[in-house]
Amino acid sequence: MKVGLDVGFGHVKVATQERVFKFPSWIGVWNEKDISDVQPISFEGRDYVVGESARFCTQRVELVDFETLLRYLPLIVEYVKRELGEEELEIGVGLAPRHYRRYKDSEEVRKKLSGFELVLPQGFGVLLDVEDELGIEEGETVFVVDIGFNTVDYLLVSKQNGKYFREGMATIERAGVLQAVETFRSILPAELGYIKNWSLSRLVKVFESGQVNVEGEKIDLKSYRERAIETYRTALLSRLKSEVGEAVLESDKVVSAGGGAYLLGKLRKDAYVPSEPEFSNARGFLKALELR
């Protein structure tokens, strides 16, 4: 089975010909006393659980950097195999631009990823996913923004002689949706101050839903959520302009994808947002596999 895999620090997105699905990038050390009905996965001599079930583990592994991601990527793949009910997978995987450079430059990193059929930079998967809908013509430029949980990746390409020429590609650290969540936390009223001390994973769910359930009472927080999103949108546009000049305004086409595209909507009026934008990279990696 061919699979497109987009591993983020917030969620892992999976695309096959039959379906797409995602799960939190959470890894927990399995303890039978904590979780009695979850089937763990053995990895490097220990038992782990992955995804939603890791929420209840007392000991968690945080995917805080590329090294940790590389180490536990085989465990994530095993979880995907279990979810799909398939032992043999051909996987196309994406790396953030800053990590893709290390992949190209480091024999050690390439060796660790040698089990994957295809490795592409995130953002390029989005481009492949939407190119037919965009109808990119010769000489046109396309600016792709992939808004993740912790970071924002961007890709600027032009179409030359029927191929894509990379004009620029980078990762903007600490610019993802997490910044909107932190703003949301900071502007909550004093009477809801106790929510500010909640764990990030718990607060993210409140932010996404725009409400919180306290002692059976639902409290509407959508106005605070919208304020936080608008503040984040303004800051992100300013940051993108500082990174790539006027490319976000002057490119022939702009694509906004990733989980953050749901929140921000269009970066400019004519920007294209794919359907289920958080799966756009994974679908593109799957397409690249099928085109080989």
Protein backbone atom coordinates (compact mmCIF):
# COMPACT_ATOMS: atom_id res chain seq x y z
CA MET A 1 0.00 0.00 0.00
CA LYS A 2 1.24 3.49 -0.90
CA VAL A 3 1.02 6.09 1.88
CA GLY A 4 1.71 9.81 2.11
CA LEU A 5 2.95 10.71 5.59
CA ASP A 6 3.17 14.23 7.00
CA VAL A 7 4.71 14.15 10.48
CA GLY A 8 4.28 17.37 12.40
CA PHE A 9 5.04 18.27 15.99
CA GLY A 10 1.30 18.67 16.59
CA HIS A 11 -0.29 15.93 14.47
CA VAL A 12 0.65 13.15 12.08
CA LYS A 13 -1.37 13.19 8.85
CA VAL A 14 -1.79 10.09 6.71
CA ALA A 15 -3.14 9.76 3.16
CA THR A 16 -3.92 6.62 1.18
CA GLN A 17 -6.08 6.09 -1.90
CA GLU A 18 -8.93 5.01 0.37
CA ARG A 19 -8.86 7.62 3.14
CA VAL A 20 -7.05 10.27 5.12
CA PHE A 21 -6.71 10.43 8.88
CA LYS A 22 -4.64 12.10 11.56
CA PHE A 23 -3.61 11.56 15.15
CA PRO A 24 -1.76 13.65 17.75
CA SER A 25 2.03 13.41 17.69
CA TRP A 26 1.95 12.08 21.23
CA ILE A 27 4.06 9.19 22.44
CA GLY A 28 3.62 7.73 25.91
CA VAL A 29 5.61 5.15 27.82
CA TRP A 30 3.12 2.36 28.45
CA ASN A 31 2.28 1.46 32.00
CA GLU A 32 -0.23 -1.33 32.51
CA LYS A 33 -1.47 0.29 35.69
CA ASP A 34 -2.33 3.48 33.79
CA ILE A 35 -3.75 1.92 30.64
CA SER A 36 -5.12 -1.60 30.79
CA ASP A 37 -6.92 -1.97 27.44
CA VAL A 38 -4.48 -0.34 25.02
CA GLN A 39 -2.19 -2.58 23.01
CA PRO A 40 1.34 -1.13 23.29
CA ILE A 41 3.98 -1.15 20.57
CA SER A 42 7.43 -2.47 21.46
CA PHE A 43 10.27 -0.23 20.36
CA GLU A 44 13.93 -0.19 21.46
CA GLY A 45 13.22 -2.52 24.36
CA ARG A 46 10.29 -0.53 25.79
CA ASP A 47 6.55 -0.45 25.29
CA TYR A 48 4.83 2.69 24.01
CA VAL A 49 1.43 3.98 23.00
CA VAL A 50 0.93 6.53 20.23
CA GLY A 51 -1.75 9.10 19.47
CA GLU A 52 -4.82 9.86 21.59
CA SER A 53 -4.14 7.06 24.08
CA ALA A 54 -0.83 8.67 25.04
CA ARG A 55 -2.84 11.52 26.59
CA PHE A 56 -3.41 9.38 29.67
CA CYS A 57 0.19 8.24 30.13
CA THR A 58 2.01 9.61 33.16
CA GLN A 59 5.30 9.56 31.22
CA ARG A 60 5.34 11.17 27.79
CA VAL A 61 7.95 11.59 25.07
CA GLU A 62 7.85 15.11 23.63
CA LEU A 63 8.83 15.50 19.98
CA VAL A 64 10.63 18.75 20.62
CA ASP A 65 13.35 18.57 17.97
CA PHE A 66 14.43 16.85 14.77
CA GLU A 67 16.66 14.32 16.55
CA THR A 68 13.77 13.10 18.70
CA LEU A 69 11.52 12.96 15.64
CA LEU A 70 14.07 10.88 13.74
CA ARG A 71 14.48 8.50 16.66
CA TYR A 72 10.76 7.83 17.12
CA LEU A 73 9.69 7.98 13.47
CA PRO A 74 9.88 4.15 13.12
CA LEU A 75 7.51 3.88 16.10
CA ILE A 76 5.05 6.26 14.42
CA VAL A 77 5.27 4.18 11.24
CA GLU A 78 4.45 1.03 13.22
CA TYR A 79 1.38 2.76 14.61
CA VAL A 80 0.30 3.75 11.07
CA LYS A 81 0.71 0.14 9.95
CA ARG A 82 -1.51 -0.98 12.81
CA GLU A 83 -4.16 1.62 11.98
CA LEU A 84 -4.18 0.62 8.31
CA GLY A 85 -3.98 -3.11 9.00
CA GLU A 86 -1.04 -3.38 6.60
CA GLU A 87 2.45 -4.70 7.25
CA GLU A 88 4.04 -3.61 3.97
CA LEU A 89 3.88 0.10 3.18
CA GLU A 90 5.53 2.27 0.55
CA ILE A 91 5.80 5.64 2.26
CA GLY A 92 6.46 9.09 0.93
CA VAL A 93 7.35 11.37 3.83
CA GLY A 94 7.92 15.09 4.15
CA LEU A 95 10.43 17.09 6.15
CA ALA A 96 10.33 20.74 7.15
CA PRO A 97 12.62 22.77 4.85
CA ARG A 98 15.26 23.25 7.55
CA HIS A 99 15.28 19.49 8.19
CA TYR A 100 15.23 18.68 4.48
CA ARG A 101 18.51 20.56 4.09
CA ARG A 102 20.03 18.33 6.75
CA TYR A 103 18.68 15.28 4.93
CA LYS A 104 20.38 16.40 1.72
CA ASP A 105 23.65 17.27 3.46
CA SER A 106 23.95 14.46 6.01
CA GLU A 107 24.65 10.85 5.10
CA GLU A 108 23.66 9.87 8.65
CA VAL A 109 20.20 11.42 8.29
CA ARG A 110 19.71 9.87 4.86
CA LYS A 111 20.60 6.47 6.32
CA LYS A 112 17.99 6.85 9.06
CA LEU A 113 15.36 7.67 6.45
CA SER A 114 16.47 5.04 3.94
CA GLY A 115 13.37 2.94 4.63
CA PHE A 116 11.13 5.54 2.99
CA GLU A 117 10.44 5.37 -0.73
CA LEU A 118 10.45 9.13 -1.10
CA VAL A 119 11.50 12.13 1.01
CA LEU A 120 10.31 15.60 -0.01
CA PRO A 121 10.22 19.04 1.60
CA GLN A 122 6.95 20.02 3.22
CA GLY A 123 5.24 22.59 1.07
CA PHE A 124 6.15 20.72 -2.09
CA GLY A 125 3.51 18.15 -1.16
CA VAL A 126 0.95 20.96 -1.04
CA LEU A 127 2.07 22.16 -4.48
CA LEU A 128 1.61 18.70 -5.99
CA ASP A 129 -1.76 18.35 -4.29
CA VAL A 130 -3.21 21.54 -5.77
CA GLU A 131 -1.35 22.00 -9.07
CA ASP A 132 -4.21 20.69 -11.21
CA GLU A 133 -6.75 22.96 -9.52
CA LEU A 134 -4.45 25.98 -9.80
CA GLY A 135 -3.68 25.50 -13.49
CA ILE A 136 -0.14 26.85 -13.12
CA GLU A 137 1.09 28.29 -16.41
CA GLU A 138 4.61 28.64 -17.74
CA GLY A 139 6.46 31.51 -16.08
CA GLU A 140 4.04 31.86 -13.18
CA THR A 141 5.19 31.99 -9.55
CA VAL A 142 3.46 30.18 -6.70
CA PHE A 143 3.86 30.97 -3.01
CA VAL A 144 2.89 28.09 -0.69
CA VAL A 145 2.45 28.64 3.05
CA ASP A 146 2.12 25.59 5.29
CA ILE A 147 0.90 26.70 8.72
CA GLY A 148 1.68 24.10 11.36
CA PHE A 149 1.41 23.86 15.12
CA ASN A 150 4.88 25.13 16.04
CA THR A 151 6.27 26.42 12.76
CA VAL A 152 5.34 27.87 9.39
CA ASP A 153 6.99 26.49 6.25
CA TYR A 154 6.96 28.36 2.98
CA LEU A 155 7.90 27.49 -0.58
CA LEU A 156 8.28 29.90 -3.49
CA VAL A 157 8.52 28.33 -6.94
CA SER A 158 8.30 29.38 -10.57
CA LYS A 159 7.35 27.18 -13.48
CA GLN A 160 10.11 27.05 -16.06
CA ASN A 161 10.19 24.70 -19.06
CA GLY A 162 7.36 22.67 -17.56
CA LYS A 163 9.16 22.11 -14.25
CA TYR A 164 9.13 23.81 -10.87
CA PHE A 165 12.16 25.93 -10.06
CA ARG A 166 12.62 26.57 -6.36
CA GLU A 167 13.07 30.29 -5.73
CA GLY A 168 13.02 30.04 -1.94
CA MET A 169 12.14 27.65 0.86
CA ALA A 170 12.44 27.96 4.63
CA THR A 171 10.94 27.28 8.03
CA ILE A 172 9.90 30.10 10.35
CA GLU A 173 10.37 28.94 13.93
CA ARG A 174 7.81 29.65 16.64
CA ALA A 175 5.36 31.11 14.12
CA GLY A 176 2.72 28.36 14.06
CA VAL A 177 -0.78 28.20 15.48
CA LEU A 178 0.69 27.76 18.95
CA GLN A 179 1.26 31.52 18.95
CA ALA A 180 -2.48 32.10 18.56
CA VAL A 181 -3.14 29.70 21.44
CA GLU A 182 -0.69 31.56 23.66
CA THR A 183 -2.38 34.88 22.79
CA PHE A 184 -5.73 33.28 23.59
CA ARG A 185 -4.36 32.22 26.96
CA SER A 186 -3.10 35.72 27.73
CA ILE A 187 -6.37 37.55 26.97
CA LEU A 188 -8.75 35.31 28.90
CA PRO A 189 -10.56 37.28 31.62
CA ALA A 190 -9.48 37.17 35.26
CA GLU A 191 -12.46 35.03 36.29
CA LEU A 192 -11.18 32.31 33.94
CA GLY A 193 -7.61 32.66 35.11
CA TYR A 194 -7.42 29.04 36.23
CA ILE A 195 -7.65 27.96 32.56
CA LYS A 196 -4.37 29.76 31.90
CA ASN A 197 -2.58 27.14 34.00
CA TRP A 198 -3.94 24.22 32.02
CA SER A 199 -1.58 22.05 29.99
CA LEU A 200 -1.02 23.14 26.41
CA SER A 201 -2.73 20.06 24.93
CA ARG A 202 -5.83 20.74 27.05
CA LEU A 203 -5.83 24.45 26.18
CA VAL A 204 -5.52 23.72 22.45
CA LYS A 205 -8.78 21.75 22.55
CA VAL A 206 -10.51 24.68 24.27
CA PHE A 207 -9.09 27.07 21.66
CA GLU A 208 -10.22 24.88 18.75
CA SER A 209 -13.76 24.51 20.06
CA GLY A 210 -14.10 28.10 21.29
CA GLN A 211 -15.72 26.94 24.50
CA VAL A 212 -14.96 25.28 27.79
CA ASN A 213 -17.05 23.00 29.97
CA VAL A 214 -16.74 23.79 33.67
CA GLU A 215 -18.77 21.78 36.16
CA GLY A 216 -21.32 20.95 33.48
CA GLU A 217 -21.66 24.54 32.25
CA LYS A 218 -20.47 25.50 28.76
CA ILE A 219 -18.74 28.88 28.60
CA ASP A 220 -18.49 30.56 25.19
CA LEU A 221 -14.95 31.79 24.45
CA LYS A 222 -15.30 32.43 20.71
CA SER A 223 -14.81 36.20 21.00
CA TYR A 224 -11.42 35.67 22.70
CA ARG A 225 -10.55 33.06 20.09
CA GLU A 226 -11.32 35.45 17.23
CA ARG A 227 -9.25 38.22 18.80
CA ALA A 228 -6.32 35.85 19.18
CA ILE A 229 -6.64 34.67 15.56
CA GLU A 230 -6.71 38.22 14.20
CA THR A 231 -3.63 39.16 16.22
CA TYR A 232 -1.86 36.05 14.94
CA ARG A 233 -2.87 36.71 11.31
CA THR A 234 -1.44 40.24 11.42
CA ALA A 235 1.80 39.04 13.01
CA LEU A 236 2.22 36.18 10.53
CA LEU A 237 1.72 38.38 7.48
CA SER A 238 4.28 40.83 8.84
CA ARG A 239 6.73 38.00 9.47
CA LEU A 240 6.24 36.53 6.00
CA LYS A 241 6.89 39.92 4.40
CA SER A 242 10.10 40.24 6.39
CA GLU A 243 11.18 36.78 5.17
CA VAL A 244 10.25 36.94 1.48
CA GLY A 245 9.56 40.60 0.78
CA GLU A 246 6.44 41.12 -1.29
CA ALA A 247 6.21 37.53 -2.59
CA VAL A 248 3.02 36.92 -0.64
CA LEU A 249 1.44 39.87 -2.45
CA GLU A 250 3.12 39.71 -5.86
CA SER A 251 3.20 35.98 -6.63
CA ASP A 252 0.82 34.92 -9.37
CA LYS A 253 -0.75 32.37 -7.06
CA VAL A 254 -0.81 31.86 -3.29
CA VAL A 255 -1.75 28.67 -1.47
CA SER A 256 -2.48 28.47 2.26
CA ALA A 257 -2.46 24.96 3.73
CA GLY A 258 -1.77 23.07 6.94
CA GLY A 259 -3.91 22.91 10.05
CA GLY A 260 -3.58 26.65 10.55
CA ALA A 261 -5.28 27.37 7.22
CA TYR A 262 -8.59 26.55 8.92
CA LEU A 263 -8.00 29.37 11.37
CA LEU A 264 -6.47 32.01 9.15
CA GLY A 265 -8.45 31.47 6.00
CA LYS A 266 -6.98 33.22 2.96
CA LEU A 267 -3.72 35.14 3.29
CA ARG A 268 -4.93 37.32 0.43
CA LYS A 269 -8.29 37.56 -1.31
CA ASP A 270 -7.46 35.27 -4.23
CA ALA A 271 -5.45 32.73 -2.20
CA TYR A 272 -6.32 29.07 -2.69
CA VAL A 273 -7.10 26.93 0.34
CA PRO A 274 -7.28 23.18 -0.45
CA SER A 275 -10.09 21.04 0.86
CA GLU A 276 -9.07 19.57 4.23
CA PRO A 277 -5.90 21.68 4.10
CA GLU A 278 -4.17 19.86 6.95
CA PHE A 279 -3.95 16.77 4.69
CA SER A 280 -2.64 18.61 1.64
CA ASN A 281 1.03 17.69 2.14
CA ALA A 282 0.21 14.03 2.81
CA ARG A 283 -1.96 13.85 -0.33
CA GLY A 284 0.84 15.44 -2.34
CA PHE A 285 3.42 12.96 -1.05
CA LEU A 286 1.07 10.13 -2.02
CA LYS A 287 0.69 11.65 -5.50
CA ALA A 288 4.48 11.89 -5.85
CA LEU A 289 4.76 8.18 -5.02
CA GLU A 290 2.17 7.28 -7.62
CA LEU A 291 3.90 9.39 -10.28
CA ARG A 292 7.22 7.62 -9.86
